[in-house]
Amino acid sequence: MVIYGVALLAACMLAGMVLGDLLGMLVGVEANVGGVGIAMIILLAVSSWKKVRMPFAGPTSEGIAFWSAMYIPIVVAMAAKQNVAAAISGGWLALIAGAGAVLASFALVPVLSRLALRK
């Protein structure tokens, strides 16, 4: 059932937010530091762990796989929007650094593809 995927996603999001707040307090910042990223890592770990330790069948596994797959692109899109807004207000150096990171990522795609094909 899809509801199990939603429940897993919500639990990972809550855990990530709590850990991000704790990390922010440890660093001395009054903000959530990496909570969404932590939630994403927890979601990937738990969904992979469930396949090995507790294999679900049918609609349950499809629901978990669906929400695991949907979460990452949504978070990346949200983060990209925030980064673009910050870069525009941050000036030219931020825009150049962002463009450099994108170009470096594009340049690494063929390299990583070749490495994946060798295995």
C-alpha atoms as a PDB file:
ATOM      1  CA  MET A   1       0.000   0.000   0.000  1.00  0.00           C
ATOM      2  CA  VAL A   2       1.140   3.501  -0.727  1.00  0.00           C
ATOM      3  CA  ILE A   3       0.312   4.510   2.846  1.00  0.00           C
ATOM      4  CA  TYR A   4       3.333   2.586   4.154  1.00  0.00           C
ATOM      5  CA  GLY A   5       5.558   4.616   1.868  1.00  0.00           C
ATOM      6  CA  VAL A   6       3.998   7.838   3.146  1.00  0.00           C
ATOM      7  CA  ALA A   7       4.421   6.685   6.756  1.00  0.00           C
ATOM      8  CA  LEU A   8       8.073   5.827   6.138  1.00  0.00           C
ATOM      9  CA  LEU A   9       8.640   9.168   4.439  1.00  0.00           C
ATOM     10  CA  ALA A  10       7.006  11.062   7.314  1.00  0.00           C
ATOM     11  CA  ALA A  11       9.016   9.197   9.948  1.00  0.00           C
ATOM     12  CA  CYS A  12      12.267   9.860   8.102  1.00  0.00           C
ATOM     13  CA  MET A  13      11.361  13.529   7.654  1.00  0.00           C
ATOM     14  CA  LEU A  14      10.597  13.952  11.360  1.00  0.00           C
ATOM     15  CA  ALA A  15      13.822  12.192  12.344  1.00  0.00           C
ATOM     16  CA  GLY A  16      15.805  14.324   9.899  1.00  0.00           C
ATOM     17  CA  MET A  17      14.277  17.554  11.211  1.00  0.00           C
ATOM     18  CA  VAL A  18      15.039  16.631  14.819  1.00  0.00           C
ATOM     19  CA  LEU A  19      18.611  15.626  13.969  1.00  0.00           C
ATOM     20  CA  GLY A  20      19.073  18.782  11.868  1.00  0.00           C
ATOM     21  CA  ASP A  21      17.897  20.955  14.764  1.00  0.00           C
ATOM     22  CA  LEU A  22      20.235  19.131  17.151  1.00  0.00           C
ATOM     23  CA  LEU A  23      23.109  19.561  14.725  1.00  0.00           C
ATOM     24  CA  GLY A  24      22.318  23.267  14.448  1.00  0.00           C
ATOM     25  CA  MET A  25      22.378  23.597  18.244  1.00  0.00           C
ATOM     26  CA  LEU A  26      25.713  21.748  18.418  1.00  0.00           C
ATOM     27  CA  VAL A  27      27.233  24.062  15.820  1.00  0.00           C
ATOM     28  CA  GLY A  28      25.762  27.124  17.507  1.00  0.00           C
ATOM     29  CA  VAL A  29      23.386  28.149  14.734  1.00  0.00           C
ATOM     30  CA  GLU A  30      19.724  28.846  15.378  1.00  0.00           C
ATOM     31  CA  ALA A  31      18.620  26.896  12.318  1.00  0.00           C
ATOM     32  CA  ASN A  32      18.074  23.415  11.008  1.00  0.00           C
ATOM     33  CA  VAL A  33      21.374  22.257   9.555  1.00  0.00           C
ATOM     34  CA  GLY A  34      20.914  19.601   6.909  1.00  0.00           C
ATOM     35  CA  GLY A  35      17.680  18.134   8.238  1.00  0.00           C
ATOM     36  CA  VAL A  36      16.224  17.409   4.810  1.00  0.00           C
ATOM     37  CA  GLY A  37      19.470  15.828   3.635  1.00  0.00           C
ATOM     38  CA  ILE A  38      19.634  13.721   6.781  1.00  0.00           C
ATOM     39  CA  ALA A  39      16.026  12.650   6.186  1.00  0.00           C
ATOM     40  CA  MET A  40      16.902  11.677   2.613  1.00  0.00           C
ATOM     41  CA  ILE A  41      19.843   9.564   3.781  1.00  0.00           C
ATOM     42  CA  ILE A  42      17.703   7.884   6.446  1.00  0.00           C
ATOM     43  CA  LEU A  43      14.989   7.168   3.862  1.00  0.00           C
ATOM     44  CA  LEU A  44      17.466   5.587   1.462  1.00  0.00           C
ATOM     45  CA  ALA A  45      19.056   3.528   4.230  1.00  0.00           C
ATOM     46  CA  VAL A  46      15.763   2.323   5.690  1.00  0.00           C
ATOM     47  CA  SER A  47      14.186   1.496   2.335  1.00  0.00           C
ATOM     48  CA  SER A  48      17.309  -0.438   1.295  1.00  0.00           C
ATOM     49  CA  TRP A  49      17.476  -2.158   4.679  1.00  0.00           C
ATOM     50  CA  LYS A  50      13.829  -3.210   4.461  1.00  0.00           C
ATOM     51  CA  LYS A  51      14.478  -4.960   1.145  1.00  0.00           C
ATOM     52  CA  VAL A  52      17.164  -7.073   2.751  1.00  0.00           C
ATOM     53  CA  ARG A  53      15.741  -7.689   6.233  1.00  0.00           C
ATOM     54  CA  MET A  54      11.977  -7.403   5.799  1.00  0.00           C
ATOM     55  CA  PRO A  55      10.987  -7.992   2.196  1.00  0.00           C
ATOM     56  CA  PHE A  56       7.493  -6.712   1.494  1.00  0.00           C
ATOM     57  CA  ALA A  57       5.429  -8.063  -1.327  1.00  0.00           C
ATOM     58  CA  GLY A  58       3.112  -6.430  -3.822  1.00  0.00           C
ATOM     59  CA  PRO A  59       1.546  -3.045  -3.160  1.00  0.00           C
ATOM     60  CA  THR A  60       3.461  -2.448   0.080  1.00  0.00           C
ATOM     61  CA  SER A  61       6.870  -2.610  -1.578  1.00  0.00           C
ATOM     62  CA  GLU A  62       5.577  -0.556  -4.506  1.00  0.00           C
ATOM     63  CA  GLY A  63       4.374   2.177  -2.135  1.00  0.00           C
ATOM     64  CA  ILE A  64       7.697   2.336  -0.320  1.00  0.00           C
ATOM     65  CA  ALA A  65       9.614   2.362  -3.606  1.00  0.00           C
ATOM     66  CA  PHE A  66       7.345   5.064  -5.068  1.00  0.00           C
ATOM     67  CA  TRP A  67       7.765   7.504  -2.195  1.00  0.00           C
ATOM     68  CA  SER A  68      11.473   6.772  -1.887  1.00  0.00           C
ATOM     69  CA  ALA A  69      11.862   7.593  -5.577  1.00  0.00           C
ATOM     70  CA  MET A  70       9.651  10.716  -5.421  1.00  0.00           C
ATOM     71  CA  TYR A  71      11.303  12.260  -2.375  1.00  0.00           C
ATOM     72  CA  ILE A  72      14.764  12.796  -3.828  1.00  0.00           C
ATOM     73  CA  PRO A  73      13.771  14.790  -6.974  1.00  0.00           C
ATOM     74  CA  ILE A  74      11.380  16.947  -4.969  1.00  0.00           C
ATOM     75  CA  VAL A  75      14.041  17.800  -2.389  1.00  0.00           C
ATOM     76  CA  VAL A  76      16.634  18.488  -5.078  1.00  0.00           C
ATOM     77  CA  ALA A  77      14.216  20.827  -6.880  1.00  0.00           C
ATOM     78  CA  MET A  78      13.391  22.675  -3.648  1.00  0.00           C
ATOM     79  CA  ALA A  79      17.070  23.045  -2.767  1.00  0.00           C
ATOM     80  CA  ALA A  80      17.926  24.221  -6.277  1.00  0.00           C
ATOM     81  CA  LYS A  81      15.244  26.908  -6.102  1.00  0.00           C
ATOM     82  CA  GLN A  82      16.603  28.179  -2.793  1.00  0.00           C
ATOM     83  CA  ASN A  83      20.169  28.113  -4.074  1.00  0.00           C
ATOM     84  CA  VAL A  84      19.252  30.129  -7.179  1.00  0.00           C
ATOM     85  CA  ALA A  85      17.446  32.748  -5.089  1.00  0.00           C
ATOM     86  CA  ALA A  86      20.429  33.003  -2.736  1.00  0.00           C
ATOM     87  CA  ALA A  87      22.865  33.180  -5.642  1.00  0.00           C
ATOM     88  CA  ILE A  88      20.986  36.002  -7.339  1.00  0.00           C
ATOM     89  CA  SER A  89      20.964  38.038  -4.145  1.00  0.00           C
ATOM     90  CA  GLY A  90      24.551  37.029  -3.328  1.00  0.00           C
ATOM     91  CA  GLY A  91      26.186  38.661  -6.338  1.00  0.00           C
ATOM     92  CA  TRP A  92      28.415  37.578  -9.186  1.00  0.00           C
ATOM     93  CA  LEU A  93      30.748  35.358  -7.198  1.00  0.00           C
ATOM     94  CA  ALA A  94      27.869  33.149  -6.071  1.00  0.00           C
ATOM     95  CA  LEU A  95      26.559  32.910  -9.640  1.00  0.00           C
ATOM     96  CA  ILE A  96      29.990  31.979 -11.000  1.00  0.00           C
ATOM     97  CA  ALA A  97      30.502  29.367  -8.266  1.00  0.00           C
ATOM     98  CA  GLY A  98      27.086  27.850  -8.988  1.00  0.00           C
ATOM     99  CA  ALA A  99      27.715  27.748 -12.726  1.00  0.00           C
ATOM    100  CA  GLY A 100      31.110  26.138 -12.087  1.00  0.00           C
ATOM    101  CA  ALA A 101      29.546  23.431  -9.945  1.00  0.00           C
ATOM    102  CA  VAL A 102      26.940  22.689 -12.617  1.00  0.00           C
ATOM    103  CA  LEU A 103      29.574  22.503 -15.360  1.00  0.00           C
ATOM    104  CA  ALA A 104      31.755  20.219 -13.231  1.00  0.00           C
ATOM    105  CA  SER A 105      28.761  17.948 -12.615  1.00  0.00           C
ATOM    106  CA  PHE A 106      27.991  17.790 -16.322  1.00  0.00           C
ATOM    107  CA  ALA A 107      31.645  16.983 -17.054  1.00  0.00           C
ATOM    108  CA  LEU A 108      31.619  14.096 -14.563  1.00  0.00           C
ATOM    109  CA  VAL A 109      28.594  12.334 -16.078  1.00  0.00           C
ATOM    110  CA  PRO A 110      30.589  10.586 -18.854  1.00  0.00           C
ATOM    111  CA  VAL A 111      33.331   9.622 -16.392  1.00  0.00           C
ATOM    112  CA  LEU A 112      30.869   8.059 -13.956  1.00  0.00           C
ATOM    113  CA  SER A 113      29.029   6.343 -16.812  1.00  0.00           C
ATOM    114  CA  ARG A 114      32.244   4.687 -17.975  1.00  0.00           C
ATOM    115  CA  LEU A 115      33.014   3.552 -14.450  1.00  0.00           C
ATOM    116  CA  ALA A 116      29.526   2.082 -14.078  1.00  0.00           C
ATOM    117  CA  LEU A 117      29.806   0.188 -17.370  1.00  0.00           C
ATOM    118  CA  ARG A 118      33.066  -1.473 -16.320  1.00  0.00           C
ATOM    119  CA  LYS A 119      31.461  -3.235 -13.356  1.00  0.00           C
END
